[in-house]
Amino acid sequence: MAILDNPFAGRFVADLSPLTEASAAIGKHISELAMALLSPHTPASYGKAGLVGMNGEQEHAVAMLTTVFGNVMRDAAGGGIAWISSLTKRVAPGATIDIPLAHKDALYVRSHYDGITITLPDAPLPQ
């Protein structure tokens, strides 16, 4: 999990590409940490989720979870080929974050349809 300042909170921005571009480095860092914590095991499934505080727009979270972020996750996980399940939403502090999970190499493996719910009580705070 990472909590980031939203540089576009509270205003309309037509070009969200700076968020998408930044997501590569952020995704690499998060994925490397996750793989180190998982070691010596390797992932069989994964998912991604993004939320934005009440002063942001849901599209800000979407811009961070595009294929740019997904490809970094795939690389860290050893080359998953399936589409990565994702969820984005706009929330108040303390909201739950639902991360959908699916098999990393074959989306339709029913035994790997799952999810995890996490809560961070004091985030995201208004910016």
N, C-alpha and C. Protein backbone atom coordinates (compact mmCIF):
# COMPACT_ATOMS: atom_id res chain seq x y z
N MET A 1 0.84 -1.16 0.00
CA MET A 1 0.00 0.00 0.00
C MET A 1 0.89 1.23 0.00
N ALA A 2 0.45 2.23 -0.72
CA ALA A 2 1.15 3.50 -0.73
C ALA A 2 0.12 4.61 -0.60
N ILE A 3 0.46 5.63 0.14
CA ILE A 3 -0.40 6.81 0.26
C ILE A 3 0.38 7.96 -0.35
N LEU A 4 -0.24 8.58 -1.34
CA LEU A 4 0.44 9.63 -2.10
C LEU A 4 -0.34 10.93 -2.05
N ASP A 5 0.36 12.04 -2.13
CA ASP A 5 -0.31 13.31 -2.32
C ASP A 5 -0.84 13.36 -3.74
N ASN A 6 -2.05 13.87 -3.90
CA ASN A 6 -2.65 14.00 -5.23
C ASN A 6 -2.39 15.43 -5.71
N PRO A 7 -1.51 15.62 -6.69
CA PRO A 7 -1.20 16.96 -7.15
C PRO A 7 -2.38 17.63 -7.87
N PHE A 8 -3.41 16.86 -8.21
CA PHE A 8 -4.55 17.40 -8.94
C PHE A 8 -5.80 17.53 -8.07
N ALA A 9 -5.68 17.28 -6.78
CA ALA A 9 -6.84 17.37 -5.89
C ALA A 9 -7.44 18.77 -5.92
N GLY A 10 -8.75 18.82 -5.96
CA GLY A 10 -9.46 20.08 -5.88
C GLY A 10 -9.54 20.89 -7.15
N ARG A 11 -9.08 20.31 -8.26
CA ARG A 11 -9.14 21.07 -9.52
C ARG A 11 -9.24 20.13 -10.71
N PHE A 12 -9.78 20.63 -11.79
CA PHE A 12 -9.87 19.84 -13.02
C PHE A 12 -8.55 19.95 -13.78
N VAL A 13 -8.08 18.79 -14.24
CA VAL A 13 -6.87 18.74 -15.07
C VAL A 13 -7.19 17.84 -16.26
N ALA A 14 -7.05 18.36 -17.45
CA ALA A 14 -7.40 17.59 -18.65
C ALA A 14 -6.41 16.48 -18.95
N ASP A 15 -5.15 16.70 -18.66
CA ASP A 15 -4.10 15.73 -18.99
C ASP A 15 -3.60 15.05 -17.72
N LEU A 16 -3.97 13.80 -17.53
CA LEU A 16 -3.56 13.05 -16.34
C LEU A 16 -2.32 12.20 -16.59
N SER A 17 -1.66 12.40 -17.72
CA SER A 17 -0.49 11.59 -18.04
C SER A 17 0.64 11.69 -17.00
N PRO A 18 0.81 12.81 -16.28
CA PRO A 18 1.84 12.80 -15.24
C PRO A 18 1.58 11.74 -14.16
N LEU A 19 0.31 11.47 -13.84
CA LEU A 19 -0.01 10.41 -12.88
C LEU A 19 0.34 9.05 -13.45
N THR A 20 -0.02 8.83 -14.71
CA THR A 20 0.26 7.54 -15.34
C THR A 20 1.76 7.31 -15.43
N GLU A 21 2.50 8.34 -15.81
CA GLU A 21 3.96 8.21 -15.91
C GLU A 21 4.58 7.93 -14.54
N ALA A 22 4.11 8.60 -13.51
CA ALA A 22 4.64 8.39 -12.15
C ALA A 22 4.31 7.01 -11.63
N SER A 23 3.24 6.41 -12.13
CA SER A 23 2.81 5.11 -11.62
C SER A 23 3.84 4.01 -11.88
N ALA A 24 4.68 4.17 -12.87
CA ALA A 24 5.70 3.14 -13.16
C ALA A 24 6.68 3.03 -12.00
N ALA A 25 7.22 4.14 -11.54
CA ALA A 25 8.18 4.11 -10.43
C ALA A 25 7.51 3.69 -9.13
N ILE A 26 6.31 4.17 -8.90
CA ILE A 26 5.58 3.80 -7.68
C ILE A 26 5.25 2.32 -7.71
N GLY A 27 4.76 1.84 -8.84
CA GLY A 27 4.43 0.42 -8.98
C GLY A 27 5.65 -0.47 -8.82
N LYS A 28 6.76 -0.04 -9.35
CA LYS A 28 8.01 -0.81 -9.22
C LYS A 28 8.40 -0.94 -7.75
N HIS A 29 8.34 0.17 -7.04
CA HIS A 29 8.72 0.17 -5.62
C HIS A 29 7.77 -0.72 -4.81
N ILE A 30 6.49 -0.55 -4.99
CA ILE A 30 5.50 -1.35 -4.25
C ILE A 30 5.66 -2.83 -4.59
N SER A 31 5.81 -3.14 -5.86
CA SER A 31 5.92 -4.54 -6.29
C SER A 31 7.18 -5.20 -5.76
N GLU A 32 8.28 -4.46 -5.76
CA GLU A 32 9.52 -5.01 -5.22
C GLU A 32 9.39 -5.30 -3.72
N LEU A 33 8.75 -4.40 -2.99
CA LEU A 33 8.53 -4.62 -1.56
C LEU A 33 7.64 -5.85 -1.34
N ALA A 34 6.59 -5.95 -2.13
CA ALA A 34 5.67 -7.09 -1.99
C ALA A 34 6.37 -8.41 -2.28
N MET A 35 7.17 -8.44 -3.32
CA MET A 35 7.88 -9.67 -3.66
C MET A 35 8.90 -10.04 -2.58
N ALA A 36 9.55 -9.06 -2.00
CA ALA A 36 10.51 -9.34 -0.93
C ALA A 36 9.79 -9.92 0.29
N LEU A 37 8.61 -9.38 0.60
CA LEU A 37 7.85 -9.89 1.74
C LEU A 37 7.28 -11.28 1.48
N LEU A 38 6.97 -11.56 0.24
CA LEU A 38 6.40 -12.86 -0.13
C LEU A 38 7.46 -13.96 -0.22
N SER A 39 8.69 -13.58 -0.46
CA SER A 39 9.78 -14.55 -0.65
C SER A 39 9.87 -15.51 0.54
N PRO A 40 10.08 -16.77 0.30
CA PRO A 40 10.54 -17.43 -0.92
C PRO A 40 9.39 -17.88 -1.83
N HIS A 41 8.18 -17.51 -1.51
CA HIS A 41 7.03 -17.90 -2.32
C HIS A 41 6.87 -17.00 -3.53
N THR A 42 6.13 -17.46 -4.52
CA THR A 42 5.83 -16.65 -5.69
C THR A 42 4.32 -16.48 -5.80
N PRO A 43 3.87 -15.37 -6.33
CA PRO A 43 2.43 -15.14 -6.41
C PRO A 43 1.77 -16.00 -7.47
N ALA A 44 0.55 -16.44 -7.16
CA ALA A 44 -0.27 -17.14 -8.15
C ALA A 44 -1.39 -16.23 -8.63
N SER A 45 -1.74 -15.25 -7.81
CA SER A 45 -2.79 -14.31 -8.20
C SER A 45 -2.42 -12.92 -7.69
N TYR A 46 -3.08 -11.93 -8.28
CA TYR A 46 -2.87 -10.56 -7.83
C TYR A 46 -4.01 -9.68 -8.29
N GLY A 47 -4.02 -8.47 -7.79
CA GLY A 47 -5.02 -7.48 -8.16
C GLY A 47 -4.48 -6.11 -7.78
N LYS A 48 -5.24 -5.08 -8.13
CA LYS A 48 -4.81 -3.72 -7.83
C LYS A 48 -6.03 -2.87 -7.51
N ALA A 49 -5.84 -1.90 -6.66
CA ALA A 49 -6.92 -1.00 -6.29
C ALA A 49 -6.35 0.39 -6.03
N GLY A 50 -7.16 1.38 -6.29
CA GLY A 50 -6.75 2.75 -6.03
C GLY A 50 -7.93 3.54 -5.53
N LEU A 51 -7.69 4.38 -4.58
CA LEU A 51 -8.77 5.25 -4.13
C LEU A 51 -8.25 6.67 -4.06
N VAL A 52 -9.17 7.57 -4.07
CA VAL A 52 -8.82 8.98 -4.04
C VAL A 52 -9.73 9.63 -3.01
N GLY A 53 -9.18 10.61 -2.28
CA GLY A 53 -9.94 11.31 -1.26
C GLY A 53 -11.02 12.19 -1.86
N MET A 54 -11.81 12.77 -1.00
CA MET A 54 -12.98 13.54 -1.44
C MET A 54 -12.65 14.77 -2.26
N ASN A 55 -11.41 15.26 -2.21
CA ASN A 55 -11.03 16.42 -3.01
C ASN A 55 -10.48 16.04 -4.38
N GLY A 56 -10.42 14.74 -4.65
CA GLY A 56 -9.92 14.27 -5.94
C GLY A 56 -11.04 13.70 -6.80
N GLU A 57 -10.69 13.24 -7.96
CA GLU A 57 -11.63 12.61 -8.88
C GLU A 57 -11.23 11.15 -9.04
N GLN A 58 -12.20 10.29 -9.24
CA GLN A 58 -11.92 8.87 -9.42
C GLN A 58 -10.95 8.64 -10.57
N GLU A 59 -11.01 9.45 -11.59
CA GLU A 59 -10.11 9.30 -12.73
C GLU A 59 -8.65 9.49 -12.34
N HIS A 60 -8.39 10.18 -11.24
CA HIS A 60 -7.01 10.32 -10.77
C HIS A 60 -6.47 8.95 -10.34
N ALA A 61 -7.29 8.17 -9.65
CA ALA A 61 -6.88 6.81 -9.27
C ALA A 61 -6.78 5.91 -10.49
N VAL A 62 -7.70 6.05 -11.41
CA VAL A 62 -7.67 5.25 -12.64
C VAL A 62 -6.37 5.50 -13.40
N ALA A 63 -5.95 6.76 -13.47
CA ALA A 63 -4.73 7.11 -14.21
C ALA A 63 -3.50 6.43 -13.60
N MET A 64 -3.55 6.15 -12.31
CA MET A 64 -2.40 5.51 -11.64
C MET A 64 -2.40 3.99 -11.82
N LEU A 65 -3.51 3.40 -12.26
CA LEU A 65 -3.62 1.94 -12.33
C LEU A 65 -3.71 1.41 -13.75
N THR A 66 -3.22 2.15 -14.70
CA THR A 66 -3.28 1.72 -16.10
C THR A 66 -2.30 0.58 -16.38
N THR A 67 -2.15 0.25 -17.63
CA THR A 67 -1.23 -0.79 -18.06
C THR A 67 0.20 -0.48 -17.65
N VAL A 68 0.56 0.78 -17.55
CA VAL A 68 1.91 1.17 -17.12
C VAL A 68 2.19 0.57 -15.74
N PHE A 69 1.29 0.76 -14.81
CA PHE A 69 1.41 0.19 -13.47
C PHE A 69 1.32 -1.33 -13.52
N GLY A 70 0.36 -1.84 -14.29
CA GLY A 70 0.16 -3.28 -14.41
C GLY A 70 1.37 -4.01 -14.95
N ASN A 71 2.02 -3.44 -15.94
CA ASN A 71 3.20 -4.11 -16.51
C ASN A 71 4.34 -4.22 -15.51
N VAL A 72 4.48 -3.23 -14.65
CA VAL A 72 5.50 -3.29 -13.60
C VAL A 72 5.16 -4.41 -12.62
N MET A 73 3.87 -4.55 -12.28
CA MET A 73 3.44 -5.64 -11.40
C MET A 73 3.74 -6.99 -12.04
N ARG A 74 3.42 -7.11 -13.32
CA ARG A 74 3.68 -8.37 -14.04
C ARG A 74 5.16 -8.73 -14.01
N ASP A 75 6.00 -7.75 -14.27
CA ASP A 75 7.45 -7.99 -14.27
C ASP A 75 7.91 -8.49 -12.90
N ALA A 76 7.45 -7.84 -11.85
CA ALA A 76 7.87 -8.22 -10.50
C ALA A 76 7.36 -9.60 -10.12
N ALA A 77 6.19 -9.96 -10.62
CA ALA A 77 5.58 -11.25 -10.27
C ALA A 77 6.07 -12.39 -11.15
N GLY A 78 6.96 -12.11 -12.05
CA GLY A 78 7.48 -13.16 -12.90
C GLY A 78 6.75 -13.32 -14.21
N GLY A 79 6.11 -12.26 -14.68
CA GLY A 79 5.53 -12.28 -16.01
C GLY A 79 4.10 -12.74 -16.14
N GLY A 80 3.22 -12.37 -15.23
CA GLY A 80 1.81 -12.72 -15.38
C GLY A 80 1.26 -12.25 -16.71
N ILE A 81 0.46 -13.08 -17.35
CA ILE A 81 -0.06 -12.72 -18.68
C ILE A 81 -1.53 -12.35 -18.69
N ALA A 82 -2.24 -12.61 -17.59
CA ALA A 82 -3.67 -12.31 -17.55
C ALA A 82 -3.91 -10.84 -17.23
N TRP A 83 -5.08 -10.39 -17.60
CA TRP A 83 -5.56 -9.07 -17.24
C TRP A 83 -5.57 -8.97 -15.71
N ILE A 84 -5.17 -7.85 -15.15
CA ILE A 84 -5.13 -7.68 -13.70
C ILE A 84 -6.41 -7.02 -13.23
N SER A 85 -7.16 -7.74 -12.39
CA SER A 85 -8.39 -7.19 -11.84
C SER A 85 -8.08 -5.92 -11.06
N SER A 86 -9.00 -4.95 -11.13
CA SER A 86 -8.75 -3.71 -10.41
C SER A 86 -10.06 -3.07 -9.97
N LEU A 87 -9.92 -2.13 -9.05
CA LEU A 87 -11.05 -1.37 -8.55
C LEU A 87 -10.55 0.02 -8.19
N THR A 88 -11.34 1.04 -8.49
CA THR A 88 -11.04 2.40 -8.05
C THR A 88 -12.31 2.99 -7.46
N LYS A 89 -12.13 3.89 -6.51
CA LYS A 89 -13.28 4.58 -5.96
C LYS A 89 -12.84 5.85 -5.25
N ARG A 90 -13.79 6.75 -5.09
CA ARG A 90 -13.59 8.00 -4.37
C ARG A 90 -14.18 7.81 -2.99
N VAL A 91 -13.40 8.09 -1.94
CA VAL A 91 -13.84 7.74 -0.58
C VAL A 91 -13.46 8.80 0.45
N ALA A 92 -14.08 8.67 1.61
CA ALA A 92 -13.72 9.46 2.78
C ALA A 92 -12.73 8.66 3.63
N PRO A 93 -12.02 9.32 4.55
CA PRO A 93 -11.09 8.59 5.41
C PRO A 93 -11.75 7.42 6.13
N GLY A 94 -11.02 6.32 6.23
CA GLY A 94 -11.50 5.14 6.93
C GLY A 94 -12.32 4.18 6.08
N ALA A 95 -12.51 4.49 4.83
CA ALA A 95 -13.28 3.61 3.95
C ALA A 95 -12.52 2.32 3.70
N THR A 96 -13.26 1.27 3.36
CA THR A 96 -12.61 0.02 3.03
C THR A 96 -12.09 0.06 1.60
N ILE A 97 -11.03 -0.67 1.38
CA ILE A 97 -10.44 -0.80 0.05
C ILE A 97 -10.59 -2.27 -0.33
N ASP A 98 -11.34 -2.53 -1.37
CA ASP A 98 -11.57 -3.89 -1.83
C ASP A 98 -10.66 -4.16 -3.02
N ILE A 99 -9.78 -5.13 -2.87
CA ILE A 99 -8.85 -5.47 -3.95
C ILE A 99 -9.27 -6.80 -4.55
N PRO A 100 -9.77 -6.79 -5.79
CA PRO A 100 -10.16 -8.05 -6.43
C PRO A 100 -8.91 -8.81 -6.85
N LEU A 101 -8.95 -10.12 -6.72
CA LEU A 101 -7.81 -10.96 -7.07
C LEU A 101 -8.22 -11.96 -8.15
N ALA A 102 -7.30 -12.28 -9.01
CA ALA A 102 -7.51 -13.31 -10.03
C ALA A 102 -6.15 -13.92 -10.36
N HIS A 103 -6.18 -15.10 -10.98
CA HIS A 103 -4.94 -15.81 -11.33
C HIS A 103 -4.10 -14.93 -12.24
N LYS A 104 -2.79 -14.92 -12.02
CA LYS A 104 -1.92 -14.01 -12.77
C LYS A 104 -1.69 -14.44 -14.21
N ASP A 105 -1.91 -15.73 -14.51
CA ASP A 105 -1.64 -16.20 -15.87
C ASP A 105 -2.88 -16.63 -16.65
N ALA A 106 -4.01 -16.77 -15.97
CA ALA A 106 -5.23 -17.22 -16.64
C ALA A 106 -6.43 -16.65 -15.88
N LEU A 107 -7.03 -15.61 -16.42
CA LEU A 107 -8.09 -14.88 -15.72
C LEU A 107 -9.25 -15.77 -15.28
N TYR A 108 -9.57 -16.79 -16.04
CA TYR A 108 -10.76 -17.58 -15.76
C TYR A 108 -10.52 -18.82 -14.91
N VAL A 109 -9.49 -18.81 -14.06
CA VAL A 109 -9.26 -19.91 -13.13
C VAL A 109 -10.10 -19.62 -11.89
N ARG A 110 -11.24 -20.31 -11.78
CA ARG A 110 -12.21 -19.99 -10.73
C ARG A 110 -11.67 -20.15 -9.33
N SER A 111 -10.74 -21.06 -9.11
CA SER A 111 -10.19 -21.26 -7.77
C SER A 111 -9.43 -20.03 -7.27
N HIS A 112 -9.09 -19.10 -8.17
CA HIS A 112 -8.34 -17.92 -7.79
C HIS A 112 -9.18 -16.64 -7.79
N TYR A 113 -10.50 -16.77 -8.02
CA TYR A 113 -11.36 -15.59 -7.87
C TYR A 113 -11.48 -15.31 -6.39
N ASP A 114 -11.03 -14.17 -5.97
CA ASP A 114 -11.04 -13.86 -4.55
C ASP A 114 -10.91 -12.35 -4.41
N GLY A 115 -10.73 -11.92 -3.21
CA GLY A 115 -10.52 -10.51 -2.94
C GLY A 115 -10.01 -10.35 -1.53
N ILE A 116 -9.52 -9.19 -1.26
CA ILE A 116 -9.06 -8.86 0.08
C ILE A 116 -9.54 -7.44 0.38
N THR A 117 -9.98 -7.25 1.61
CA THR A 117 -10.45 -5.94 2.04
C THR A 117 -9.51 -5.41 3.10
N ILE A 118 -9.06 -4.18 2.91
CA ILE A 118 -8.20 -3.54 3.90
C ILE A 118 -8.77 -2.17 4.23
N THR A 119 -8.43 -1.70 5.40
CA THR A 119 -8.88 -0.38 5.84
C THR A 119 -7.71 0.36 6.45
N LEU A 120 -7.57 1.59 6.09
CA LEU A 120 -6.58 2.46 6.71
C LEU A 120 -7.39 3.56 7.40
N PRO A 121 -7.51 3.53 8.72
CA PRO A 121 -8.46 4.40 9.43
C PRO A 121 -8.33 5.90 9.16
N ASP A 122 -7.13 6.39 8.90
CA ASP A 122 -6.96 7.84 8.75
C ASP A 122 -6.54 8.28 7.36
N ALA A 123 -6.90 7.51 6.36
CA ALA A 123 -6.55 7.90 4.99
C ALA A 123 -7.66 7.48 4.05
N PRO A 124 -7.85 8.15 2.95
CA PRO A 124 -7.11 9.34 2.53
C PRO A 124 -7.67 10.60 3.19
N LEU A 125 -6.79 11.45 3.67
CA LEU A 125 -7.19 12.71 4.28
C LEU A 125 -7.36 13.77 3.20
N PRO A 126 -8.18 14.78 3.47
CA PRO A 126 -8.33 15.87 2.48
C PRO A 126 -7.00 16.55 2.24
N GLN A 127 -6.81 17.04 1.02
CA GLN A 127 -5.56 17.72 0.68
C GLN A 127 -5.79 19.20 0.54
